[in-house]
Amino acid sequence: MAEGRRVEQTIGFENGASSDDFNYQFKPELYRTFEQIVQLSSDIKKKLTKEQLSDARPISSYNAGHIDEAIDNWWKNL
């Protein structure tokens, strides 16, 4: 607002949000490298694992490619 930029007001958020509203804790064990994702995709296809792979990118990103055997689950839908 101080910079004169566009803002919006969403009903239910009249009091704003504070840093206490969202308690994020990074869990590195939930993330994989590119090489690990390629291997996991292959293992899922061969039914060598019960692990699941989730692709949380927006659908518009799939033009660049899709991760084989991944469950499409855009993060904003969570």
N, C-alpha and C. Protein backbone atom coordinates (compact mmCIF):
# COMPACT_ATOMS: atom_id res chain seq x y z
N MET A 1 0.83 -1.19 0.00
CA MET A 1 0.00 0.00 0.00
C MET A 1 0.87 1.25 0.00
N ALA A 2 1.94 1.22 0.79
CA ALA A 2 2.82 2.38 0.87
C ALA A 2 3.47 2.67 -0.48
N GLU A 3 3.66 1.65 -1.31
CA GLU A 3 4.27 1.83 -2.62
C GLU A 3 3.24 2.14 -3.71
N GLY A 4 1.97 2.19 -3.34
CA GLY A 4 0.92 2.47 -4.30
C GLY A 4 0.61 1.29 -5.21
N ARG A 5 0.97 0.08 -4.77
CA ARG A 5 0.69 -1.11 -5.58
C ARG A 5 -0.73 -1.61 -5.30
N ARG A 6 -1.22 -2.43 -6.23
CA ARG A 6 -2.55 -3.00 -6.10
C ARG A 6 -2.61 -3.96 -4.91
N VAL A 7 -3.66 -3.91 -4.15
CA VAL A 7 -3.87 -4.83 -3.03
C VAL A 7 -5.29 -5.37 -3.11
N GLU A 8 -5.55 -6.43 -2.38
CA GLU A 8 -6.91 -6.97 -2.31
C GLU A 8 -7.21 -7.33 -0.87
N GLN A 9 -8.48 -7.44 -0.57
CA GLN A 9 -8.89 -7.83 0.76
C GLN A 9 -9.81 -9.04 0.63
N THR A 10 -9.43 -10.11 1.29
CA THR A 10 -10.21 -11.34 1.25
C THR A 10 -11.05 -11.43 2.51
N ILE A 11 -12.33 -11.71 2.34
CA ILE A 11 -13.22 -11.84 3.50
C ILE A 11 -12.70 -12.95 4.39
N GLY A 12 -12.65 -12.67 5.68
CA GLY A 12 -12.14 -13.63 6.65
C GLY A 12 -10.70 -13.35 7.06
N PHE A 13 -10.03 -12.45 6.34
CA PHE A 13 -8.66 -12.11 6.66
C PHE A 13 -8.52 -10.63 7.01
N GLU A 14 -9.58 -10.08 7.59
CA GLU A 14 -9.59 -8.65 7.89
C GLU A 14 -8.46 -8.24 8.84
N ASN A 15 -8.09 -9.14 9.74
CA ASN A 15 -7.07 -8.80 10.73
C ASN A 15 -5.66 -9.14 10.25
N GLY A 16 -5.56 -9.63 9.04
CA GLY A 16 -4.25 -9.99 8.50
C GLY A 16 -3.75 -11.29 9.07
N ALA A 17 -2.61 -11.70 8.62
CA ALA A 17 -2.00 -12.94 9.08
C ALA A 17 -0.71 -12.60 9.81
N SER A 18 -0.36 -13.42 10.74
CA SER A 18 0.89 -13.22 11.45
C SER A 18 1.78 -14.43 11.21
N SER A 19 3.02 -14.32 11.59
CA SER A 19 3.95 -15.43 11.39
C SER A 19 3.54 -16.64 12.23
N ASP A 20 2.70 -16.43 13.24
CA ASP A 20 2.23 -17.53 14.09
C ASP A 20 1.14 -18.35 13.41
N ASP A 21 0.57 -17.82 12.30
CA ASP A 21 -0.54 -18.51 11.63
C ASP A 21 -0.09 -19.74 10.85
N PHE A 22 1.17 -19.83 10.52
CA PHE A 22 1.65 -20.93 9.71
C PHE A 22 2.95 -21.44 10.29
N ASN A 23 2.93 -22.64 10.78
CA ASN A 23 4.13 -23.24 11.38
C ASN A 23 4.74 -24.21 10.39
N TYR A 24 5.70 -23.74 9.62
CA TYR A 24 6.36 -24.54 8.60
C TYR A 24 7.63 -25.14 9.16
N GLN A 25 7.81 -26.41 8.89
CA GLN A 25 9.06 -27.06 9.27
C GLN A 25 9.57 -27.84 8.07
N PHE A 26 10.73 -27.47 7.56
CA PHE A 26 11.31 -28.15 6.41
C PHE A 26 11.68 -29.57 6.78
N LYS A 27 11.27 -30.52 5.93
CA LYS A 27 11.57 -31.93 6.16
C LYS A 27 12.34 -32.45 4.94
N PRO A 28 13.65 -32.39 4.98
CA PRO A 28 14.45 -32.77 3.82
C PRO A 28 14.23 -34.21 3.38
N GLU A 29 13.81 -35.07 4.28
CA GLU A 29 13.58 -36.48 3.93
C GLU A 29 12.40 -36.66 2.97
N LEU A 30 11.59 -35.62 2.79
CA LEU A 30 10.45 -35.69 1.87
C LEU A 30 10.79 -35.22 0.46
N TYR A 31 12.01 -34.75 0.25
CA TYR A 31 12.43 -34.23 -1.05
C TYR A 31 13.44 -35.16 -1.69
N ARG A 32 13.47 -35.18 -3.02
CA ARG A 32 14.35 -36.06 -3.76
C ARG A 32 15.13 -35.27 -4.81
N THR A 33 16.29 -35.77 -5.16
CA THR A 33 17.06 -35.19 -6.25
C THR A 33 16.46 -35.65 -7.58
N PHE A 34 16.88 -35.03 -8.67
CA PHE A 34 16.41 -35.42 -9.99
C PHE A 34 16.68 -36.91 -10.24
N GLU A 35 17.89 -37.34 -9.92
CA GLU A 35 18.27 -38.73 -10.14
C GLU A 35 17.41 -39.67 -9.31
N GLN A 36 17.11 -39.30 -8.07
CA GLN A 36 16.25 -40.13 -7.21
C GLN A 36 14.83 -40.21 -7.76
N ILE A 37 14.34 -39.12 -8.33
CA ILE A 37 12.99 -39.11 -8.90
C ILE A 37 12.92 -40.02 -10.12
N VAL A 38 13.93 -39.96 -10.96
CA VAL A 38 13.97 -40.84 -12.14
C VAL A 38 13.98 -42.30 -11.69
N GLN A 39 14.78 -42.63 -10.69
CA GLN A 39 14.85 -44.00 -10.19
C GLN A 39 13.53 -44.42 -9.54
N LEU A 40 12.94 -43.53 -8.75
CA LEU A 40 11.67 -43.84 -8.10
C LEU A 40 10.58 -44.07 -9.12
N SER A 41 10.52 -43.24 -10.14
CA SER A 41 9.53 -43.40 -11.20
C SER A 41 9.67 -44.78 -11.85
N SER A 42 10.90 -45.19 -12.11
CA SER A 42 11.16 -46.50 -12.70
C SER A 42 10.74 -47.63 -11.75
N ASP A 43 11.07 -47.48 -10.46
CA ASP A 43 10.72 -48.50 -9.47
C ASP A 43 9.21 -48.63 -9.31
N ILE A 44 8.49 -47.50 -9.37
CA ILE A 44 7.03 -47.53 -9.26
C ILE A 44 6.45 -48.28 -10.47
N LYS A 45 6.95 -47.96 -11.63
CA LYS A 45 6.47 -48.59 -12.86
C LYS A 45 6.68 -50.10 -12.82
N LYS A 46 7.80 -50.54 -12.25
CA LYS A 46 8.13 -51.97 -12.16
C LYS A 46 7.52 -52.63 -10.91
N LYS A 47 6.78 -51.83 -10.12
CA LYS A 47 6.15 -52.30 -8.89
C LYS A 47 7.18 -52.85 -7.88
N LEU A 48 8.32 -52.15 -7.79
CA LEU A 48 9.37 -52.53 -6.86
C LEU A 48 9.27 -51.77 -5.54
N THR A 49 8.32 -50.83 -5.45
CA THR A 49 8.16 -50.03 -4.25
C THR A 49 6.69 -49.68 -4.06
N LYS A 50 6.33 -49.41 -2.83
CA LYS A 50 4.98 -48.92 -2.54
C LYS A 50 4.98 -47.41 -2.34
N GLU A 51 6.17 -46.81 -2.46
CA GLU A 51 6.31 -45.36 -2.32
C GLU A 51 5.55 -44.68 -3.45
N GLN A 52 5.00 -43.50 -3.17
CA GLN A 52 4.28 -42.74 -4.17
C GLN A 52 5.05 -41.47 -4.51
N LEU A 53 4.82 -41.00 -5.71
CA LEU A 53 5.48 -39.79 -6.19
C LEU A 53 4.42 -38.77 -6.55
N SER A 54 4.50 -37.58 -5.97
CA SER A 54 3.52 -36.54 -6.22
C SER A 54 4.16 -35.39 -6.99
N ASP A 55 3.48 -34.96 -8.05
CA ASP A 55 3.94 -33.81 -8.84
C ASP A 55 3.05 -32.64 -8.48
N ALA A 56 3.58 -31.69 -7.73
CA ALA A 56 2.78 -30.60 -7.17
C ALA A 56 2.81 -29.33 -8.01
N ARG A 57 3.37 -29.41 -9.23
CA ARG A 57 3.42 -28.23 -10.09
C ARG A 57 2.05 -27.94 -10.68
N PRO A 58 1.81 -26.68 -11.06
CA PRO A 58 0.54 -26.38 -11.75
C PRO A 58 0.48 -27.10 -13.09
N ILE A 59 -0.72 -27.46 -13.51
CA ILE A 59 -0.91 -28.21 -14.75
C ILE A 59 -0.28 -27.49 -15.94
N SER A 60 -0.28 -26.16 -15.93
CA SER A 60 0.32 -25.41 -17.04
C SER A 60 1.81 -25.73 -17.19
N SER A 61 2.46 -26.21 -16.14
CA SER A 61 3.89 -26.55 -16.21
C SER A 61 4.13 -27.86 -16.95
N TYR A 62 3.08 -28.66 -17.14
CA TYR A 62 3.25 -29.96 -17.78
C TYR A 62 3.61 -29.85 -19.25
N ASN A 63 3.46 -28.66 -19.84
CA ASN A 63 3.88 -28.47 -21.23
C ASN A 63 5.37 -28.77 -21.38
N ALA A 64 6.11 -28.53 -20.31
CA ALA A 64 7.55 -28.78 -20.33
C ALA A 64 7.86 -30.25 -20.07
N GLY A 65 6.86 -31.03 -19.66
CA GLY A 65 7.06 -32.45 -19.40
C GLY A 65 6.37 -32.87 -18.12
N HIS A 66 6.09 -34.14 -18.06
CA HIS A 66 5.40 -34.71 -16.91
C HIS A 66 6.29 -35.77 -16.28
N ILE A 67 6.19 -35.96 -14.99
CA ILE A 67 6.97 -36.99 -14.31
C ILE A 67 6.20 -38.30 -14.42
N ASP A 68 6.78 -39.29 -15.10
CA ASP A 68 6.13 -40.59 -15.25
C ASP A 68 5.81 -41.18 -13.89
N GLU A 69 4.65 -41.79 -13.80
CA GLU A 69 4.18 -42.50 -12.61
C GLU A 69 3.85 -41.58 -11.44
N ALA A 70 3.90 -40.26 -11.64
CA ALA A 70 3.59 -39.32 -10.56
C ALA A 70 2.09 -39.07 -10.48
N ILE A 71 1.63 -38.81 -9.27
CA ILE A 71 0.25 -38.41 -9.05
C ILE A 71 0.22 -36.88 -9.17
N ASP A 72 -0.61 -36.37 -10.06
CA ASP A 72 -0.72 -34.93 -10.24
C ASP A 72 -1.52 -34.35 -9.09
N ASN A 73 -0.91 -33.46 -8.33
CA ASN A 73 -1.57 -32.89 -7.16
C ASN A 73 -1.02 -31.49 -6.92
N TRP A 74 -1.59 -30.51 -7.66
CA TRP A 74 -1.11 -29.14 -7.55
C TRP A 74 -1.17 -28.69 -6.10
N TRP A 75 -0.13 -28.09 -5.61
CA TRP A 75 -0.02 -27.72 -4.20
C TRP A 75 -1.13 -26.80 -3.74
N LYS A 76 -1.69 -25.96 -4.61
CA LYS A 76 -2.76 -25.05 -4.20
C LYS A 76 -4.07 -25.78 -3.93
N ASN A 77 -4.19 -27.02 -4.40
CA ASN A 77 -5.40 -27.81 -4.15
C ASN A 77 -5.35 -28.55 -2.82
N LEU A 78 -4.22 -28.46 -2.13
CA LEU A 78 -4.09 -29.18 -0.85
C LEU A 78 -4.83 -28.46 0.26
